[in-house]
Amino acid sequence: AAWQAAKALGYRRLITYTQDGESGA
């Protein structure tokens, strides 16, 4: 939903970070 909202606002890229030990599932 965050990516859909960012695109609707005209943004072309959405990023985030995970720390070592987090799976990113």
PDB file of all heavy atoms in Angstrom:
ATOM      1  N   ALA A   1       0.831  -1.208   0.000  1.00  0.00           N
ATOM      2  CA  ALA A   1       0.000   0.000   0.000  1.00  0.00           C
ATOM      3  C   ALA A   1       0.866   1.259   0.000  1.00  0.00           C
ATOM      4  O   ALA A   1       0.523   2.260  -0.643  1.00  0.00           O
ATOM      5  CB  ALA A   1      -0.925  -0.010   1.213  1.00  0.00           C
ATOM      6  N   ALA A   2       1.996   1.205   0.697  1.00  0.00           N
ATOM      7  CA  ALA A   2       2.908   2.355   0.721  1.00  0.00           C
ATOM      8  C   ALA A   2       3.429   2.649  -0.679  1.00  0.00           C
ATOM      9  O   ALA A   2       3.504   3.808  -1.096  1.00  0.00           O
ATOM     10  CB  ALA A   2       4.068   2.078   1.676  1.00  0.00           C
ATOM     11  N   TRP A   3       3.765   1.602  -1.426  1.00  0.00           N
ATOM     12  CA  TRP A   3       4.273   1.796  -2.780  1.00  0.00           C
ATOM     13  C   TRP A   3       3.175   2.345  -3.686  1.00  0.00           C
ATOM     14  O   TRP A   3       3.408   3.233  -4.496  1.00  0.00           O
ATOM     15  CB  TRP A   3       4.853   0.492  -3.308  1.00  0.00           C
ATOM     16  CG  TRP A   3       5.382   0.527  -4.699  1.00  0.00           C
ATOM     17  CD1 TRP A   3       5.200  -0.429  -5.653  1.00  0.00           C
ATOM     18  CD2 TRP A   3       6.191   1.535  -5.329  1.00  0.00           C
ATOM     19  NE1 TRP A   3       5.840  -0.081  -6.818  1.00  0.00           N
ATOM     20  CE2 TRP A   3       6.464   1.127  -6.651  1.00  0.00           C
ATOM     21  CE3 TRP A   3       6.714   2.741  -4.905  1.00  0.00           C
ATOM     22  CZ2 TRP A   3       7.211   1.877  -7.544  1.00  0.00           C
ATOM     23  CZ3 TRP A   3       7.468   3.508  -5.789  1.00  0.00           C
ATOM     24  CH2 TRP A   3       7.709   3.079  -7.092  1.00  0.00           C
ATOM     25  N   GLN A   4       1.954   1.834  -3.557  1.00  0.00           N
ATOM     26  CA  GLN A   4       0.842   2.341  -4.363  1.00  0.00           C
ATOM     27  C   GLN A   4       0.586   3.822  -4.063  1.00  0.00           C
ATOM     28  O   GLN A   4       0.366   4.622  -4.978  1.00  0.00           O
ATOM     29  CB  GLN A   4      -0.428   1.522  -4.107  1.00  0.00           C
ATOM     30  CG  GLN A   4      -0.342   0.094  -4.604  1.00  0.00           C
ATOM     31  CD  GLN A   4      -0.020  -0.010  -6.082  1.00  0.00           C
ATOM     32  OE1 GLN A   4      -0.608   0.684  -6.899  1.00  0.00           O
ATOM     33  NE2 GLN A   4       0.940  -0.853  -6.420  1.00  0.00           N
ATOM     34  N   ALA A   5       0.629   4.198  -2.796  1.00  0.00           N
ATOM     35  CA  ALA A   5       0.412   5.594  -2.411  1.00  0.00           C
ATOM     36  C   ALA A   5       1.533   6.488  -2.932  1.00  0.00           C
ATOM     37  O   ALA A   5       1.282   7.589  -3.435  1.00  0.00           O
ATOM     38  CB  ALA A   5       0.306   5.704  -0.890  1.00  0.00           C
ATOM     39  N   ALA A   6       2.779   6.022  -2.821  1.00  0.00           N
ATOM     40  CA  ALA A   6       3.925   6.811  -3.307  1.00  0.00           C
ATOM     41  C   ALA A   6       3.810   7.042  -4.813  1.00  0.00           C
ATOM     42  O   ALA A   6       4.030   8.159  -5.295  1.00  0.00           O
ATOM     43  CB  ALA A   6       5.237   6.104  -2.964  1.00  0.00           C
ATOM     44  N   LYS A   7       3.456   5.996  -5.562  1.00  0.00           N
ATOM     45  CA  LYS A   7       3.294   6.147  -7.016  1.00  0.00           C
ATOM     46  C   LYS A   7       2.159   7.116  -7.346  1.00  0.00           C
ATOM     47  O   LYS A   7       2.283   7.940  -8.245  1.00  0.00           O
ATOM     48  CB  LYS A   7       3.036   4.791  -7.673  1.00  0.00           C
ATOM     49  CG  LYS A   7       4.254   3.905  -7.757  1.00  0.00           C
ATOM     50  CD  LYS A   7       4.029   2.706  -8.649  1.00  0.00           C
ATOM     51  CE  LYS A   7       2.991   1.777  -8.084  1.00  0.00           C
ATOM     52  NZ  LYS A   7       2.890   0.503  -8.839  1.00  0.00           N
ATOM     53  N   ALA A   8       1.051   7.040  -6.590  1.00  0.00           N
ATOM     54  CA  ALA A   8      -0.086   7.925  -6.829  1.00  0.00           C
ATOM     55  C   ALA A   8       0.284   9.384  -6.595  1.00  0.00           C
ATOM     56  O   ALA A   8      -0.294  10.283  -7.213  1.00  0.00           O
ATOM     57  CB  ALA A   8      -1.259   7.526  -5.935  1.00  0.00           C
ATOM     58  N   LEU A   9       1.262   9.619  -5.716  1.00  0.00           N
ATOM     59  CA  LEU A   9       1.730  10.980  -5.440  1.00  0.00           C
ATOM     60  C   LEU A   9       2.817  11.437  -6.410  1.00  0.00           C
ATOM     61  O   LEU A   9       3.333  12.541  -6.287  1.00  0.00           O
ATOM     62  CB  LEU A   9       2.244  11.070  -4.005  1.00  0.00           C
ATOM     63  CG  LEU A   9       1.164  10.948  -2.925  1.00  0.00           C
ATOM     64  CD1 LEU A   9       1.807  10.792  -1.549  1.00  0.00           C
ATOM     65  CD2 LEU A   9       0.227  12.146  -2.966  1.00  0.00           C
ATOM     66  N   GLY A  10       3.191  10.567  -7.351  1.00  0.00           N
ATOM     67  CA  GLY A  10       4.164  10.943  -8.369  1.00  0.00           C
ATOM     68  C   GLY A  10       5.597  10.543  -8.085  1.00  0.00           C
ATOM     69  O   GLY A  10       6.495  10.894  -8.845  1.00  0.00           O
ATOM     70  N   TYR A  11       5.826   9.789  -7.012  1.00  0.00           N
ATOM     71  CA  TYR A  11       7.185   9.338  -6.714  1.00  0.00           C
ATOM     72  C   TYR A  11       7.511   8.119  -7.565  1.00  0.00           C
ATOM     73  O   TYR A  11       6.644   7.327  -7.913  1.00  0.00           O
ATOM     74  CB  TYR A  11       7.340   9.029  -5.223  1.00  0.00           C
ATOM     75  CG  TYR A  11       7.300  10.282  -4.396  1.00  0.00           C
ATOM     76  CD1 TYR A  11       6.108  10.755  -3.867  1.00  0.00           C
ATOM     77  CD2 TYR A  11       8.454  11.021  -4.190  1.00  0.00           C
ATOM     78  CE1 TYR A  11       6.062  11.926  -3.136  1.00  0.00           C
ATOM     79  CE2 TYR A  11       8.414  12.195  -3.458  1.00  0.00           C
ATOM     80  CZ  TYR A  11       7.225  12.639  -2.933  1.00  0.00           C
ATOM     81  OH  TYR A  11       7.191  13.808  -2.215  1.00  0.00           O
ATOM     82  N   ARG A  12       8.767   7.980  -7.917  1.00  0.00           N
ATOM     83  CA  ARG A  12       9.205   6.886  -8.787  1.00  0.00           C
ATOM     84  C   ARG A  12       9.962   5.791  -8.043  1.00  0.00           C
ATOM     85  O   ARG A  12      10.282   4.752  -8.635  1.00  0.00           O
ATOM     86  CB  ARG A  12      10.079   7.447  -9.913  1.00  0.00           C
ATOM     87  CG  ARG A  12       9.306   8.386 -10.836  1.00  0.00           C
ATOM     88  CD  ARG A  12      10.105   8.804 -12.052  1.00  0.00           C
ATOM     89  NE  ARG A  12      11.416   9.367 -11.736  1.00  0.00           N
ATOM     90  CZ  ARG A  12      11.651  10.665 -11.551  1.00  0.00           C
ATOM     91  NH1 ARG A  12      10.686  11.539 -11.629  1.00  0.00           N
ATOM     92  NH2 ARG A  12      12.872  11.094 -11.276  1.00  0.00           N
ATOM     93  N   ARG A  13      10.264   6.025  -6.779  1.00  0.00           N
ATOM     94  CA  ARG A  13      11.079   5.053  -6.044  1.00  0.00           C
ATOM     95  C   ARG A  13      10.681   5.066  -4.572  1.00  0.00           C
ATOM     96  O   ARG A  13      10.454   6.123  -3.995  1.00  0.00           O
ATOM     97  CB  ARG A  13      12.545   5.431  -6.193  1.00  0.00           C
ATOM     98  CG  ARG A  13      13.512   4.421  -5.672  1.00  0.00           C
ATOM     99  CD  ARG A  13      14.925   4.828  -6.052  1.00  0.00           C
ATOM    100  NE  ARG A  13      15.860   3.821  -5.624  1.00  0.00           N
ATOM    101  CZ  ARG A  13      17.077   4.066  -5.204  1.00  0.00           C
ATOM    102  NH1 ARG A  13      17.531   5.310  -5.165  1.00  0.00           N
ATOM    103  NH2 ARG A  13      17.871   3.093  -4.830  1.00  0.00           N
ATOM    104  N   LEU A  14      10.622   3.870  -3.958  1.00  0.00           N
ATOM    105  CA  LEU A  14      10.365   3.725  -2.529  1.00  0.00           C
ATOM    106  C   LEU A  14      11.378   2.734  -1.981  1.00  0.00           C
ATOM    107  O   LEU A  14      11.564   1.652  -2.552  1.00  0.00           O
ATOM    108  CB  LEU A  14       8.934   3.229  -2.289  1.00  0.00           C
ATOM    109  CG  LEU A  14       8.483   3.131  -0.838  1.00  0.00           C
ATOM    110  CD1 LEU A  14       8.492   4.509  -0.166  1.00  0.00           C
ATOM    111  CD2 LEU A  14       7.086   2.528  -0.752  1.00  0.00           C
ATOM    112  N   ILE A  15      12.047   3.119  -0.915  1.00  0.00           N
ATOM    113  CA  ILE A  15      13.099   2.294  -0.335  1.00  0.00           C
ATOM    114  C   ILE A  15      12.843   2.074   1.152  1.00  0.00           C
ATOM    115  O   ILE A  15      12.042   2.773   1.769  1.00  0.00           O
ATOM    116  CB  ILE A  15      14.499   2.937  -0.508  1.00  0.00           C
ATOM    117  CG1 ILE A  15      14.562   4.300   0.189  1.00  0.00           C
ATOM    118  CG2 ILE A  15      14.859   3.045  -1.984  1.00  0.00           C
ATOM    119  CD1 ILE A  15      15.957   4.883   0.304  1.00  0.00           C
ATOM    120  N   THR A  16      13.543   1.110   1.717  1.00  0.00           N
ATOM    121  CA  THR A  16      13.574   0.890   3.152  1.00  0.00           C
ATOM    122  C   THR A  16      14.806   0.052   3.468  1.00  0.00           C
ATOM    123  O   THR A  16      15.502  -0.427   2.567  1.00  0.00           O
ATOM    124  CB  THR A  16      12.286   0.208   3.661  1.00  0.00           C
ATOM    125  OG1 THR A  16      12.222   0.338   5.089  1.00  0.00           O
ATOM    126  CG2 THR A  16      12.231  -1.260   3.282  1.00  0.00           C
ATOM    127  N   TYR A  17      15.078  -0.109   4.738  1.00  0.00           N
ATOM    128  CA  TYR A  17      16.231  -0.891   5.193  1.00  0.00           C
ATOM    129  C   TYR A  17      15.772  -1.961   6.161  1.00  0.00           C
ATOM    130  O   TYR A  17      14.790  -1.779   6.889  1.00  0.00           O
ATOM    131  CB  TYR A  17      17.235   0.004   5.935  1.00  0.00           C
ATOM    132  CG  TYR A  17      17.906   1.036   5.067  1.00  0.00           C
ATOM    133  CD1 TYR A  17      17.345   2.285   4.894  1.00  0.00           C
ATOM    134  CD2 TYR A  17      19.103   0.759   4.420  1.00  0.00           C
ATOM    135  CE1 TYR A  17      17.955   3.252   4.099  1.00  0.00           C
ATOM    136  CE2 TYR A  17      19.717   1.711   3.624  1.00  0.00           C
ATOM    137  CZ  TYR A  17      19.141   2.944   3.474  1.00  0.00           C
ATOM    138  OH  TYR A  17      19.753   3.886   2.678  1.00  0.00           O
ATOM    139  N   THR A  18      16.506  -3.083   6.186  1.00  0.00           N
ATOM    140  CA  THR A  18      16.374  -4.061   7.255  1.00  0.00           C
ATOM    141  C   THR A  18      17.738  -4.216   7.898  1.00  0.00           C
ATOM    142  O   THR A  18      18.770  -4.048   7.242  1.00  0.00           O
ATOM    143  CB  THR A  18      15.902  -5.443   6.746  1.00  0.00           C
ATOM    144  OG1 THR A  18      16.788  -5.903   5.734  1.00  0.00           O
ATOM    145  CG2 THR A  18      14.478  -5.378   6.223  1.00  0.00           C
ATOM    146  N   GLN A  19      17.720  -4.506   9.179  1.00  0.00           N
ATOM    147  CA  GLN A  19      18.971  -4.735   9.896  1.00  0.00           C
ATOM    148  C   GLN A  19      19.390  -6.184   9.759  1.00  0.00           C
ATOM    149  O   GLN A  19      18.554  -7.072   9.509  1.00  0.00           O
ATOM    150  CB  GLN A  19      18.815  -4.384  11.373  1.00  0.00           C
ATOM    151  CG  GLN A  19      18.603  -2.922  11.615  1.00  0.00           C
ATOM    152  CD  GLN A  19      18.570  -2.593  13.092  1.00  0.00           C
ATOM    153  OE1 GLN A  19      18.548  -3.486  13.943  1.00  0.00           O
ATOM    154  NE2 GLN A  19      18.572  -1.321  13.419  1.00  0.00           N
ATOM    155  N   ASP A  20      20.681  -6.414   9.941  1.00  0.00           N
ATOM    156  CA  ASP A  20      21.213  -7.770   9.918  1.00  0.00           C
ATOM    157  C   ASP A  20      20.441  -8.607  10.929  1.00  0.00           C
ATOM    158  O   ASP A  20      20.221  -8.185  12.055  1.00  0.00           O
ATOM    159  CB  ASP A  20      22.703  -7.738  10.265  1.00  0.00           C
ATOM    160  CG  ASP A  20      23.377  -9.070  10.045  1.00  0.00           C
ATOM    161  OD1 ASP A  20      22.984  -9.788   9.108  1.00  0.00           O
ATOM    162  OD2 ASP A  20      24.307  -9.392  10.806  1.00  0.00           O
ATOM    163  N   GLY A  21      19.992  -9.762  10.516  1.00  0.00           N
ATOM    164  CA  GLY A  21      19.235 -10.631  11.404  1.00  0.00           C
ATOM    165  C   GLY A  21      17.736 -10.582  11.157  1.00  0.00           C
ATOM    166  O   GLY A  21      17.003 -11.440  11.628  1.00  0.00           O
ATOM    167  N   GLU A  22      17.252  -9.573  10.431  1.00  0.00           N
ATOM    168  CA  GLU A  22      15.843  -9.516  10.068  1.00  0.00           C
ATOM    169  C   GLU A  22      15.670 -10.230   8.733  1.00  0.00           C
ATOM    170  O   GLU A  22      16.484 -10.072   7.824  1.00  0.00           O
ATOM    171  CB  GLU A  22      15.369  -8.068   9.950  1.00  0.00           C
ATOM    172  CG  GLU A  22      15.402  -7.329  11.268  1.00  0.00           C
ATOM    173  CD  GLU A  22      15.036  -5.862  11.143  1.00  0.00           C
ATOM    174  OE1 GLU A  22      15.205  -5.278  10.061  1.00  0.00           O
ATOM    175  OE2 GLU A  22      14.574  -5.309  12.143  1.00  0.00           O
ATOM    176  N   SER A  23      14.603 -11.002   8.604  1.00  0.00           N
ATOM    177  CA  SER A  23      14.462 -11.859   7.418  1.00  0.00           C
ATOM    178  C   SER A  23      14.046 -11.103   6.158  1.00  0.00           C
ATOM    179  O   SER A  23      14.367 -11.536   5.058  1.00  0.00           O
ATOM    180  CB  SER A  23      13.432 -12.957   7.698  1.00  0.00           C
ATOM    181  OG  SER A  23      12.123 -12.413   7.740  1.00  0.00           O
ATOM    182  N   GLY A  24      13.278 -10.041   6.292  1.00  0.00           N
ATOM    183  CA  GLY A  24      12.779  -9.341   5.117  1.00  0.00           C
ATOM    184  C   GLY A  24      11.629 -10.066   4.439  1.00  0.00           C
ATOM    185  O   GLY A  24      11.276  -9.753   3.303  1.00  0.00           O
ATOM    186  N   ALA A  25      11.009 -11.024   5.131  1.00  0.00           N
ATOM    187  CA  ALA A  25       9.931 -11.812   4.533  1.00  0.00           C
ATOM    188  C   ALA A  25       8.759 -10.939   4.091  1.00  0.00           C
ATOM    189  O   ALA A  25       8.167 -11.174   3.032  1.00  0.00           O
ATOM    190  CB  ALA A  25       9.445 -12.878   5.515  1.00  0.00           C
TER     191      ALA A  25
END
